[in-house]
Amino acid sequence: MKAVDARTMTPDQLEDELSKLKKEQFNLRFQKATGQLEKTARVRQVRRDIARIKTIAAEKAAGKKA
């Protein structure tokens, strides 16, 4: 996910996307532990997407308070 895409989302959509990514991260960790993970780069990509969404959500929250 690009930052531009995330910035156009509403806070509710960001929360939904964040929960979806966290579920995917859990599943990827489970696959890695059982030796079934095929796309190892996806772990890094999901982790960065989670950080990106959290950052944008915090920016939006700070913008409302200011």
N, C-alpha and C. Protein backbone atom coordinates (compact mmCIF):
# COMPACT_ATOMS: atom_id res chain seq x y z
N MET A 1 0.83 -1.17 0.00
CA MET A 1 0.00 0.00 0.00
C MET A 1 0.89 1.24 0.00
N LYS A 2 0.53 2.19 -0.82
CA LYS A 2 1.25 3.44 -0.90
C LYS A 2 0.72 4.41 0.16
N ALA A 3 1.57 5.34 0.57
CA ALA A 3 1.16 6.34 1.55
C ALA A 3 0.05 7.22 0.99
N VAL A 4 0.09 7.49 -0.31
CA VAL A 4 -0.94 8.32 -0.93
C VAL A 4 -2.31 7.66 -0.80
N ASP A 5 -2.36 6.35 -0.98
CA ASP A 5 -3.62 5.62 -0.83
C ASP A 5 -4.14 5.69 0.60
N ALA A 6 -3.23 5.54 1.56
CA ALA A 6 -3.64 5.55 2.96
C ALA A 6 -4.11 6.93 3.40
N ARG A 7 -3.52 7.97 2.85
CA ARG A 7 -3.91 9.33 3.25
C ARG A 7 -5.32 9.69 2.78
N THR A 8 -5.81 9.03 1.75
CA THR A 8 -7.17 9.32 1.27
C THR A 8 -8.23 8.58 2.07
N MET A 9 -7.82 7.64 2.92
CA MET A 9 -8.77 6.86 3.71
C MET A 9 -9.26 7.64 4.92
N THR A 10 -10.45 7.30 5.37
CA THR A 10 -10.99 7.88 6.59
C THR A 10 -10.37 7.14 7.78
N PRO A 11 -10.46 7.70 8.98
CA PRO A 11 -9.91 7.00 10.16
C PRO A 11 -10.52 5.61 10.37
N ASP A 12 -11.81 5.45 10.06
CA ASP A 12 -12.43 4.12 10.20
C ASP A 12 -11.85 3.13 9.20
N GLN A 13 -11.63 3.59 7.99
CA GLN A 13 -11.04 2.73 6.97
C GLN A 13 -9.61 2.35 7.35
N LEU A 14 -8.88 3.30 7.94
CA LEU A 14 -7.52 3.00 8.39
C LEU A 14 -7.53 1.93 9.47
N GLU A 15 -8.47 2.01 10.40
CA GLU A 15 -8.58 1.01 11.45
C GLU A 15 -8.90 -0.37 10.87
N ASP A 16 -9.80 -0.41 9.89
CA ASP A 16 -10.15 -1.68 9.25
C ASP A 16 -8.93 -2.28 8.53
N GLU A 17 -8.22 -1.44 7.82
CA GLU A 17 -7.03 -1.91 7.10
C GLU A 17 -5.96 -2.38 8.08
N LEU A 18 -5.82 -1.67 9.18
CA LEU A 18 -4.84 -2.05 10.20
C LEU A 18 -5.17 -3.41 10.79
N SER A 19 -6.43 -3.65 11.10
CA SER A 19 -6.80 -4.94 11.67
C SER A 19 -6.60 -6.06 10.64
N LYS A 20 -6.89 -5.77 9.37
CA LYS A 20 -6.68 -6.77 8.32
C LYS A 20 -5.20 -7.12 8.20
N LEU A 21 -4.35 -6.10 8.25
CA LEU A 21 -2.91 -6.33 8.14
C LEU A 21 -2.36 -7.07 9.35
N LYS A 22 -2.89 -6.79 10.53
CA LYS A 22 -2.42 -7.50 11.72
C LYS A 22 -2.80 -8.98 11.67
N LYS A 23 -4.00 -9.26 11.14
CA LYS A 23 -4.39 -10.67 10.97
C LYS A 23 -3.48 -11.36 9.97
N GLU A 24 -3.17 -10.66 8.89
CA GLU A 24 -2.26 -11.24 7.89
C GLU A 24 -0.88 -11.47 8.49
N GLN A 25 -0.41 -10.52 9.30
CA GLN A 25 0.90 -10.67 9.93
C GLN A 25 0.91 -11.90 10.84
N PHE A 26 -0.15 -12.09 11.59
CA PHE A 26 -0.24 -13.27 12.44
C PHE A 26 -0.17 -14.55 11.62
N ASN A 27 -0.94 -14.58 10.53
CA ASN A 27 -0.95 -15.77 9.68
C ASN A 27 0.42 -16.02 9.06
N LEU A 28 1.11 -14.95 8.67
CA LEU A 28 2.45 -15.11 8.09
C LEU A 28 3.43 -15.65 9.12
N ARG A 29 3.33 -15.16 10.35
CA ARG A 29 4.21 -15.66 11.41
C ARG A 29 3.93 -17.13 11.68
N PHE A 30 2.66 -17.51 11.64
CA PHE A 30 2.28 -18.90 11.86
C PHE A 30 2.83 -19.77 10.73
N GLN A 31 2.72 -19.30 9.49
CA GLN A 31 3.24 -20.05 8.35
C GLN A 31 4.76 -20.19 8.44
N LYS A 32 5.43 -19.14 8.89
CA LYS A 32 6.88 -19.20 9.02
C LYS A 32 7.29 -20.24 10.06
N ALA A 33 6.55 -20.27 11.17
CA ALA A 33 6.88 -21.22 12.24
C ALA A 33 6.67 -22.66 11.81
N THR A 34 5.69 -22.89 10.94
CA THR A 34 5.42 -24.26 10.50
C THR A 34 6.16 -24.62 9.22
N GLY A 35 6.92 -23.66 8.68
CA GLY A 35 7.70 -23.94 7.48
C GLY A 35 6.92 -23.89 6.19
N GLN A 36 5.76 -23.25 6.19
CA GLN A 36 4.92 -23.20 5.00
C GLN A 36 4.98 -21.85 4.27
N LEU A 37 5.78 -20.93 4.77
CA LEU A 37 5.83 -19.59 4.20
C LEU A 37 6.59 -19.62 2.87
N GLU A 38 5.93 -19.15 1.82
CA GLU A 38 6.56 -19.13 0.50
C GLU A 38 7.14 -17.77 0.15
N LYS A 39 6.38 -16.71 0.41
CA LYS A 39 6.83 -15.36 0.08
C LYS A 39 7.36 -14.69 1.35
N THR A 40 8.64 -14.85 1.60
CA THR A 40 9.22 -14.31 2.83
C THR A 40 9.25 -12.79 2.82
N ALA A 41 9.29 -12.17 1.66
CA ALA A 41 9.33 -10.70 1.58
C ALA A 41 8.01 -10.09 2.03
N ARG A 42 6.95 -10.85 2.00
CA ARG A 42 5.63 -10.31 2.38
C ARG A 42 5.60 -9.95 3.87
N VAL A 43 6.40 -10.64 4.70
CA VAL A 43 6.46 -10.34 6.13
C VAL A 43 6.95 -8.91 6.33
N ARG A 44 8.00 -8.56 5.65
CA ARG A 44 8.57 -7.22 5.75
C ARG A 44 7.60 -6.17 5.19
N GLN A 45 6.96 -6.49 4.10
CA GLN A 45 6.03 -5.56 3.46
C GLN A 45 4.83 -5.28 4.37
N VAL A 46 4.29 -6.31 5.00
CA VAL A 46 3.14 -6.14 5.89
C VAL A 46 3.55 -5.32 7.11
N ARG A 47 4.72 -5.62 7.65
CA ARG A 47 5.20 -4.88 8.82
C ARG A 47 5.34 -3.38 8.51
N ARG A 48 5.85 -3.06 7.35
CA ARG A 48 6.00 -1.66 6.95
C ARG A 48 4.66 -1.01 6.66
N ASP A 49 3.73 -1.76 6.09
CA ASP A 49 2.39 -1.21 5.85
C ASP A 49 1.69 -0.88 7.17
N ILE A 50 1.87 -1.74 8.17
CA ILE A 50 1.28 -1.48 9.48
C ILE A 50 1.86 -0.19 10.06
N ALA A 51 3.17 -0.03 9.97
CA ALA A 51 3.80 1.18 10.49
C ALA A 51 3.33 2.41 9.73
N ARG A 52 3.18 2.28 8.42
CA ARG A 52 2.74 3.40 7.59
C ARG A 52 1.33 3.84 7.98
N ILE A 53 0.44 2.87 8.19
CA ILE A 53 -0.94 3.19 8.54
C ILE A 53 -1.01 3.81 9.94
N LYS A 54 -0.21 3.28 10.88
CA LYS A 54 -0.21 3.85 12.22
C LYS A 54 0.30 5.29 12.20
N THR A 55 1.30 5.55 11.40
CA THR A 55 1.85 6.90 11.29
C THR A 55 0.82 7.87 10.72
N ILE A 56 0.16 7.47 9.66
CA ILE A 56 -0.83 8.34 9.03
C ILE A 56 -2.03 8.55 9.95
N ALA A 57 -2.43 7.52 10.66
CA ALA A 57 -3.55 7.66 11.61
C ALA A 57 -3.17 8.63 12.73
N ALA A 58 -1.94 8.57 13.19
CA ALA A 58 -1.50 9.49 14.25
C ALA A 58 -1.44 10.92 13.72
N GLU A 59 -1.00 11.09 12.48
CA GLU A 59 -0.96 12.42 11.88
C GLU A 59 -2.36 13.01 11.77
N LYS A 60 -3.31 12.18 11.35
CA LYS A 60 -4.69 12.65 11.22
C LYS A 60 -5.28 13.00 12.58
N ALA A 61 -4.96 12.20 13.60
CA ALA A 61 -5.47 12.46 14.95
C ALA A 61 -4.86 13.75 15.50
N ALA A 62 -3.59 13.98 15.24
CA ALA A 62 -2.93 15.20 15.71
C ALA A 62 -3.46 16.41 14.97
N GLY A 63 -3.82 16.23 13.71
CA GLY A 63 -4.36 17.34 12.93
C GLY A 63 -5.72 17.78 13.44
N LYS A 64 -6.51 16.86 13.94
CA LYS A 64 -7.83 17.20 14.47
C LYS A 64 -7.71 17.93 15.80
N LYS A 65 -6.70 17.56 16.59
CA LYS A 65 -6.53 18.18 17.91
C LYS A 65 -5.94 19.57 17.81
N ALA A 66 -5.18 19.83 16.77
CA ALA A 66 -4.47 21.12 16.66
C ALA A 66 -5.41 22.26 16.30
